[in-house]
Amino acid sequence: MTTTPLTEAVRRLLENAPKSALPLTYQQVAEALGLAPPRTIARVTGALEELMREDAESGRPFLAALVVSRRDGVPGHGFFELARALSRFPDDPTRQRDAYHREFARALAARD
């Protein structure tokens, strides 16, 4: 799997962000990386999905769990869909928020 430069930059950002700054919003990631419109959030989410595939393939926690929507404080719908598709989250939607919180904790712990 070839990693794009944007995905590498997102990984570095999430691995090195101060724990006190996490989670970051999609907008904060875009701004930290100096992305300019159009499609800034779409580019961030595309890079996060690539990170999820890499992390799943390597058996690592999803670093993408450290990025959330400012609206509700959890990742967007696409995160949950891909987490299910990668067999990391349950199919039952009522159990997905708990799975997310566990994944967030695992991603934080993996940075230490």
Protein backbone atom coordinates (compact mmCIF):
# COMPACT_ATOMS: atom_id res chain seq x y z
CA MET A 1 0.00 0.00 0.00
CA THR A 2 1.44 3.39 -1.01
CA THR A 3 0.83 6.17 1.46
CA THR A 4 0.08 9.63 0.11
CA PRO A 5 2.03 12.63 1.42
CA LEU A 6 -1.15 14.02 2.98
CA THR A 7 -1.79 10.76 4.83
CA GLU A 8 1.81 10.76 6.10
CA ALA A 9 1.37 14.35 7.31
CA VAL A 10 -1.89 13.47 9.11
CA ARG A 11 -0.21 10.49 10.79
CA ARG A 12 2.70 12.66 11.99
CA LEU A 13 0.28 15.31 13.26
CA LEU A 14 -1.78 12.80 15.24
CA GLU A 15 1.26 10.97 16.61
CA ASN A 16 2.87 14.20 17.79
CA ALA A 17 -0.06 16.37 18.91
CA PRO A 18 -0.07 17.07 22.64
CA LYS A 19 -2.41 14.70 24.44
CA SER A 20 -4.17 17.72 25.94
CA ALA A 21 -5.08 18.90 22.42
CA LEU A 22 -6.85 15.65 21.50
CA PRO A 23 -9.23 14.95 20.01
CA LEU A 24 -8.74 17.33 17.10
CA THR A 25 -11.60 18.34 14.84
CA TYR A 26 -11.49 17.79 11.11
CA GLN A 27 -11.17 21.56 10.69
CA GLN A 28 -8.23 21.74 13.13
CA VAL A 29 -6.42 19.02 11.16
CA ALA A 30 -7.01 20.89 7.89
CA GLU A 31 -5.74 24.15 9.41
CA ALA A 32 -2.72 22.52 11.07
CA LEU A 33 -1.69 21.09 7.71
CA GLY A 34 -2.30 24.36 5.88
CA LEU A 35 -4.92 22.93 3.54
CA ALA A 36 -6.77 25.49 1.46
CA PRO A 37 -10.22 25.14 -0.08
CA PRO A 38 -11.80 23.55 -1.96
CA ARG A 39 -12.58 20.20 -0.37
CA THR A 40 -10.37 20.58 2.70
CA ILE A 41 -12.48 18.38 4.95
CA ALA A 42 -12.96 15.79 2.18
CA ARG A 43 -9.18 15.58 1.76
CA VAL A 44 -8.72 15.17 5.51
CA THR A 45 -11.34 12.41 5.69
CA GLY A 46 -9.77 10.65 2.69
CA ALA A 47 -6.39 10.67 4.43
CA LEU A 48 -7.97 9.44 7.67
CA GLU A 49 -9.63 6.55 5.82
CA GLU A 50 -6.26 5.64 4.31
CA LEU A 51 -4.77 5.70 7.82
CA MET A 52 -7.53 3.39 9.04
CA ARG A 53 -6.76 0.87 6.31
CA GLU A 54 -3.03 1.00 7.10
CA ASP A 55 -3.67 0.68 10.84
CA ALA A 56 -6.06 -2.25 10.35
CA GLU A 57 -3.55 -4.00 8.09
CA SER A 58 -0.82 -3.54 10.72
CA GLY A 59 -3.02 -4.42 13.71
CA ARG A 60 -2.61 -0.93 15.21
CA PRO A 61 -5.35 1.14 16.87
CA PHE A 62 -7.03 3.62 14.53
CA LEU A 63 -5.22 6.96 14.86
CA ALA A 64 -8.21 8.36 12.97
CA ALA A 65 -10.20 7.92 16.20
CA LEU A 66 -8.36 11.02 17.45
CA VAL A 67 -10.24 13.23 14.97
CA VAL A 68 -13.86 14.19 15.56
CA SER A 69 -16.67 16.37 14.30
CA ARG A 70 -16.97 19.58 16.25
CA ARG A 71 -20.75 19.13 16.11
CA ASP A 72 -21.03 15.99 18.23
CA GLY A 73 -17.52 15.13 19.44
CA VAL A 74 -17.22 11.81 17.62
CA PRO A 75 -15.91 10.96 14.16
CA GLY A 76 -18.19 11.24 11.16
CA HIS A 77 -20.39 8.50 9.78
CA GLY A 78 -17.70 7.36 7.32
CA PHE A 79 -15.36 6.46 10.21
CA PHE A 80 -17.94 4.08 11.66
CA GLU A 81 -18.79 2.55 8.27
CA LEU A 82 -15.13 1.87 7.50
CA ALA A 83 -14.43 0.58 11.02
CA ARG A 84 -17.23 -1.96 10.49
CA ALA A 85 -16.00 -2.84 7.00
CA LEU A 86 -12.53 -3.46 8.43
CA SER A 87 -14.10 -5.76 11.08
CA ARG A 88 -12.98 -3.52 13.92
CA PHE A 89 -16.41 -2.32 15.09
CA PRO A 90 -19.64 -4.25 15.67
CA ASP A 91 -22.45 -4.13 13.13
CA ASP A 92 -24.92 -3.19 15.87
CA PRO A 93 -25.17 0.63 15.76
CA THR A 94 -26.11 0.78 19.46
CA ARG A 95 -22.66 -0.62 20.36
CA GLN A 96 -20.59 1.57 18.06
CA ARG A 97 -20.16 4.59 20.33
CA ASP A 98 -18.73 2.37 23.06
CA ALA A 99 -16.44 0.75 20.48
CA TYR A 100 -15.33 4.22 19.41
CA HIS A 101 -14.47 5.26 22.98
CA ARG A 102 -12.41 2.08 23.42
CA GLU A 103 -10.64 2.73 20.11
CA PHE A 104 -9.93 6.34 21.12
CA ALA A 105 -8.33 5.11 24.37
CA ARG A 106 -6.28 2.51 22.48
CA ALA A 107 -5.08 5.12 19.98
CA LEU A 108 -4.04 7.47 22.80
CA ALA A 109 -2.22 4.65 24.62
CA ALA A 110 -0.41 3.58 21.44
CA ARG A 111 1.15 7.04 21.17
CA ASP A 112 2.93 6.69 24.53
